[in-house]
Amino acid sequence: MLSNLLKRIRGKIALSFSFQAEDVVVLDMALKTGRKVEIFALDTLKHFKESLEYGAAIEAFYGVKIRRYKPDKRATDELEKRLGEFGVRESLANRRECCSVRKVAQLGEALRGKSAWITGLRAAQSQTRSALTLIEFDEQYDLLKINPIARWSERDVFDYVERHNLPLNSLYNRGFKSIGCAICTRAVAPEEDARAGRWWWENPEHKECGLHIK
């Protein structure tokens, strides 16, 4: 499906990489189509060192370059001056502001001039993504948004990783199931939901950073 779809897209294609198992799956799929894609990551300056090491391992494994988009230094300095290191945990507004400065502001730059955006989103990840479809049109960025594994389960993802012997972020070995920034991601217990460790002080319906809001 992905190969046929990408063949019909004439413009540039971007693939977002956020250091998770889903991302290496869609990256592997996309590269196997033979279609050129720009791989990018939003460098929040708050990633785990394990995630940064994983990004370097992916580049070496595939022989590709991940383009990293960093936030504006003045904006992050001002944010940290007001909120401190952990002020994002004090309110939903604070956390969303942090995500906006560190991630959302850079996404527009990463997607500028692109005709399509490939993501590793899955509908089962959270209730805010339950209506996710394989192909969407993102009106905000005026491009086609492709979610190749939208209907996959977590087990499907790790089966693919194992079957194709793909590298994984070492944080999975420490109980992490959904990996974001170090200040707002924790490991989860075996019985907990995969995204329970993301913004754990918030209600489930609020757990989006702003990148994937329709």
Protein backbone atom coordinates (compact mmCIF):
# COMPACT_ATOMS: atom_id res chain seq x y z
CA MET A 1 0.00 0.00 0.00
CA LEU A 2 2.69 2.51 1.01
CA SER A 3 4.81 1.88 -2.07
CA ASN A 4 1.91 2.47 -4.46
CA LEU A 5 0.82 5.57 -2.58
CA LEU A 6 4.26 7.17 -2.53
CA LYS A 7 4.67 6.56 -6.25
CA ARG A 8 1.65 8.78 -6.89
CA ILE A 9 3.02 11.69 -4.86
CA ARG A 10 4.99 14.06 -7.04
CA GLY A 11 6.29 16.47 -4.42
CA LYS A 12 8.68 16.11 -1.51
CA ILE A 13 7.89 13.67 1.29
CA ALA A 14 8.84 14.05 4.95
CA LEU A 15 8.96 11.35 7.63
CA SER A 16 8.93 12.32 11.29
CA PHE A 17 11.16 10.37 13.66
CA SER A 18 10.62 10.61 17.42
CA PHE A 19 12.91 7.80 18.60
CA GLN A 20 10.18 5.21 19.12
CA ALA A 21 9.52 1.71 17.80
CA GLU A 22 6.70 2.92 15.57
CA ASP A 23 9.08 5.34 13.87
CA VAL A 24 11.66 2.74 12.91
CA VAL A 25 8.87 0.56 11.49
CA VAL A 26 7.52 3.28 9.17
CA LEU A 27 11.07 4.35 8.31
CA ASP A 28 11.92 0.80 7.32
CA MET A 29 8.76 0.59 5.23
CA ALA A 30 9.37 3.91 3.51
CA LEU A 31 13.00 3.22 2.66
CA LYS A 32 12.06 -0.13 1.15
CA THR A 33 9.77 1.62 -1.33
CA GLY A 34 12.82 3.25 -2.91
CA ARG A 35 11.16 6.67 -2.76
CA LYS A 36 13.29 9.52 -1.43
CA VAL A 37 12.05 10.89 1.89
CA GLU A 38 13.42 13.56 4.21
CA ILE A 39 13.71 12.12 7.71
CA PHE A 40 13.41 14.72 10.43
CA ALA A 41 13.32 14.93 14.21
CA LEU A 42 12.15 17.78 16.42
CA ASP A 43 15.01 18.31 18.86
CA THR A 44 13.35 19.67 22.00
CA LEU A 45 16.71 19.89 23.84
CA LYS A 46 15.07 17.73 26.52
CA HIS A 47 15.40 14.26 25.00
CA PHE A 48 16.84 11.34 26.94
CA LYS A 49 20.49 10.66 26.08
CA GLU A 50 19.35 7.15 25.14
CA SER A 51 17.08 8.64 22.48
CA LEU A 52 19.89 10.72 21.04
CA GLU A 53 22.12 7.64 20.95
CA TYR A 54 19.31 5.75 19.24
CA GLY A 55 19.00 8.42 16.57
CA ALA A 56 22.71 8.07 15.81
CA ALA A 57 22.34 4.27 15.71
CA ILE A 58 19.49 4.57 13.20
CA GLU A 59 21.57 6.82 10.97
CA ALA A 60 24.40 4.27 11.00
CA PHE A 61 22.07 1.28 10.53
CA TYR A 62 20.37 2.69 7.43
CA GLY A 63 23.10 5.01 6.17
CA VAL A 64 20.74 7.99 6.34
CA LYS A 65 20.76 11.43 7.90
CA ILE A 66 18.07 12.60 10.30
CA ARG A 67 17.60 16.35 9.97
CA ARG A 68 17.11 17.89 13.40
CA TYR A 69 15.05 21.02 13.97
CA LYS A 70 15.82 22.88 17.20
CA PRO A 71 13.70 25.47 19.02
CA ASP A 72 14.52 29.15 19.21
CA LYS A 73 17.05 29.68 22.00
CA ARG A 74 15.55 32.94 23.21
CA ALA A 75 12.13 31.34 23.44
CA THR A 76 13.41 28.34 25.44
CA ASP A 77 15.49 30.57 27.73
CA GLU A 78 12.46 32.72 28.48
CA LEU A 79 10.30 29.64 29.03
CA GLU A 80 12.76 28.11 31.50
CA LYS A 81 13.18 31.43 33.32
CA ARG A 82 9.43 31.54 33.97
CA LEU A 83 8.64 27.85 34.52
CA GLY A 84 11.89 26.37 35.74
CA GLU A 85 12.84 22.79 34.94
CA PHE A 86 9.61 21.14 36.08
CA GLY A 87 7.03 23.90 35.85
CA VAL A 88 5.39 22.04 32.97
CA ARG A 89 3.93 19.68 35.54
CA GLU A 90 2.06 22.44 37.35
CA SER A 91 -0.66 22.98 34.77
CA LEU A 92 -1.92 21.85 31.39
CA ALA A 93 -1.35 25.35 30.04
CA ASN A 94 2.31 25.29 31.09
CA ARG A 95 2.89 21.91 29.49
CA ARG A 96 1.20 22.90 26.25
CA GLU A 97 3.24 26.08 26.10
CA CYS A 98 6.42 24.05 26.50
CA CYS A 99 5.38 21.67 23.72
CA SER A 100 4.50 24.63 21.50
CA VAL A 101 7.90 26.26 21.96
CA ARG A 102 9.99 23.09 21.81
CA LYS A 103 8.12 21.09 19.16
CA VAL A 104 5.17 22.64 17.36
CA ALA A 105 6.99 25.80 16.29
CA GLN A 106 9.59 23.70 14.46
CA LEU A 107 7.13 21.40 12.71
CA GLY A 108 6.03 24.07 10.27
CA GLU A 109 9.63 24.56 9.20
CA ALA A 110 10.15 20.81 8.81
CA LEU A 111 7.04 20.43 6.64
CA ARG A 112 7.49 23.56 4.54
CA GLY A 113 7.47 22.71 0.84
CA LYS A 114 6.43 19.09 1.44
CA SER A 115 3.54 17.34 -0.28
CA ALA A 116 3.22 14.49 2.21
CA TRP A 117 4.11 13.64 5.79
CA ILE A 118 4.61 10.06 7.00
CA THR A 119 4.02 9.38 10.70
CA GLY A 120 4.18 6.42 13.06
CA LEU A 121 0.85 7.22 14.73
CA ARG A 122 -1.46 4.40 15.81
CA ALA A 123 -5.14 4.70 16.72
CA ALA A 124 -4.67 2.39 19.70
CA GLN A 125 -2.11 4.65 21.33
CA SER A 126 -4.68 6.88 23.02
CA GLN A 127 -8.31 7.93 23.00
CA THR A 128 -7.33 11.18 21.27
CA ARG A 129 -6.14 9.12 18.27
CA SER A 130 -8.97 6.58 18.09
CA ALA A 131 -10.38 8.02 14.85
CA LEU A 132 -7.00 8.00 13.07
CA THR A 133 -7.08 6.84 9.44
CA LEU A 134 -4.42 5.59 7.06
CA ILE A 135 -4.55 8.72 4.93
CA GLU A 136 -5.66 12.19 5.99
CA PHE A 137 -5.37 15.71 4.67
CA ASP A 138 -3.72 18.05 7.14
CA GLU A 139 -5.30 21.45 6.52
CA GLN A 140 -2.93 23.29 8.85
CA TYR A 141 0.14 22.25 6.86
CA ASP A 142 -1.65 21.78 3.52
CA LEU A 143 -0.35 18.31 2.80
CA LEU A 144 -1.24 14.65 2.79
CA LYS A 145 -0.66 12.92 6.12
CA ILE A 146 0.09 9.22 5.81
CA ASN A 147 -0.22 6.93 8.85
CA PRO A 148 0.84 3.48 7.52
CA ILE A 149 0.41 1.68 10.85
CA ALA A 150 -2.72 3.51 12.00
CA ARG A 151 -4.59 0.26 12.71
CA TRP A 152 -1.68 -1.73 14.10
CA SER A 153 -1.52 -2.99 17.68
CA GLU A 154 1.53 -2.62 19.89
CA ARG A 155 2.20 -6.31 19.34
CA ASP A 156 2.15 -5.78 15.57
CA VAL A 157 4.84 -3.12 15.93
CA PHE A 158 7.22 -5.22 17.98
CA ASP A 159 6.61 -8.29 15.84
CA TYR A 160 7.73 -6.27 12.81
CA VAL A 161 10.80 -4.99 14.67
CA GLU A 162 11.76 -8.52 15.70
CA ARG A 163 11.04 -10.04 12.30
CA HIS A 164 13.24 -7.51 10.51
CA ASN A 165 15.87 -7.31 13.27
CA LEU A 166 15.55 -3.54 13.65
CA PRO A 167 17.32 -1.50 16.35
CA LEU A 168 15.27 -0.24 19.30
CA ASN A 169 15.64 2.59 21.77
CA SER A 170 17.25 1.09 24.89
CA LEU A 171 14.64 2.81 27.08
CA TYR A 172 12.20 0.03 26.17
CA ASN A 173 14.37 -2.31 28.26
CA ARG A 174 13.75 -0.06 31.26
CA GLY A 175 9.95 -0.17 31.14
CA PHE A 176 9.22 2.74 28.81
CA LYS A 177 6.43 2.19 26.30
CA SER A 178 5.96 5.68 24.86
CA ILE A 179 9.03 7.89 24.72
CA GLY A 180 9.10 11.68 24.79
CA CYS A 181 11.12 14.27 26.68
CA ALA A 182 12.98 13.35 29.86
CA ILE A 183 11.09 15.90 31.97
CA CYS A 184 7.65 14.51 31.15
CA THR A 185 8.07 10.79 30.38
CA ARG A 186 8.40 7.92 32.83
CA ALA A 187 8.52 4.14 32.70
CA VAL A 188 5.23 2.30 33.21
CA ALA A 189 4.17 -0.85 35.01
CA PRO A 190 3.36 -3.91 32.84
CA GLU A 191 -0.37 -3.50 33.38
CA GLU A 192 -0.41 0.23 32.57
CA ASP A 193 -1.47 1.75 29.27
CA ALA A 194 1.37 2.49 26.84
CA ARG A 195 0.94 6.27 27.16
CA ALA A 196 0.40 6.27 30.92
CA GLY A 197 3.97 7.47 31.31
CA ARG A 198 3.48 10.52 29.09
CA TRP A 199 2.34 13.62 31.01
CA TRP A 200 1.16 11.26 33.76
CA TRP A 201 -0.29 14.11 35.84
CA GLU A 202 -2.89 14.91 33.12
CA ASN A 203 -6.17 13.34 32.09
CA PRO A 204 -5.96 10.96 29.07
CA GLU A 205 -8.04 13.25 26.84
CA HIS A 206 -5.41 15.98 27.17
CA LYS A 207 -2.38 13.94 26.17
CA GLU A 208 -1.42 15.51 22.86
CA CYS A 209 1.44 17.94 22.30
CA GLY A 210 -0.20 19.87 19.48
CA LEU A 211 1.58 18.22 16.56
CA HIS A 212 -1.34 15.98 15.64
CA ILE A 213 -4.43 18.02 16.47
CA LYS A 214 -6.90 18.27 13.57
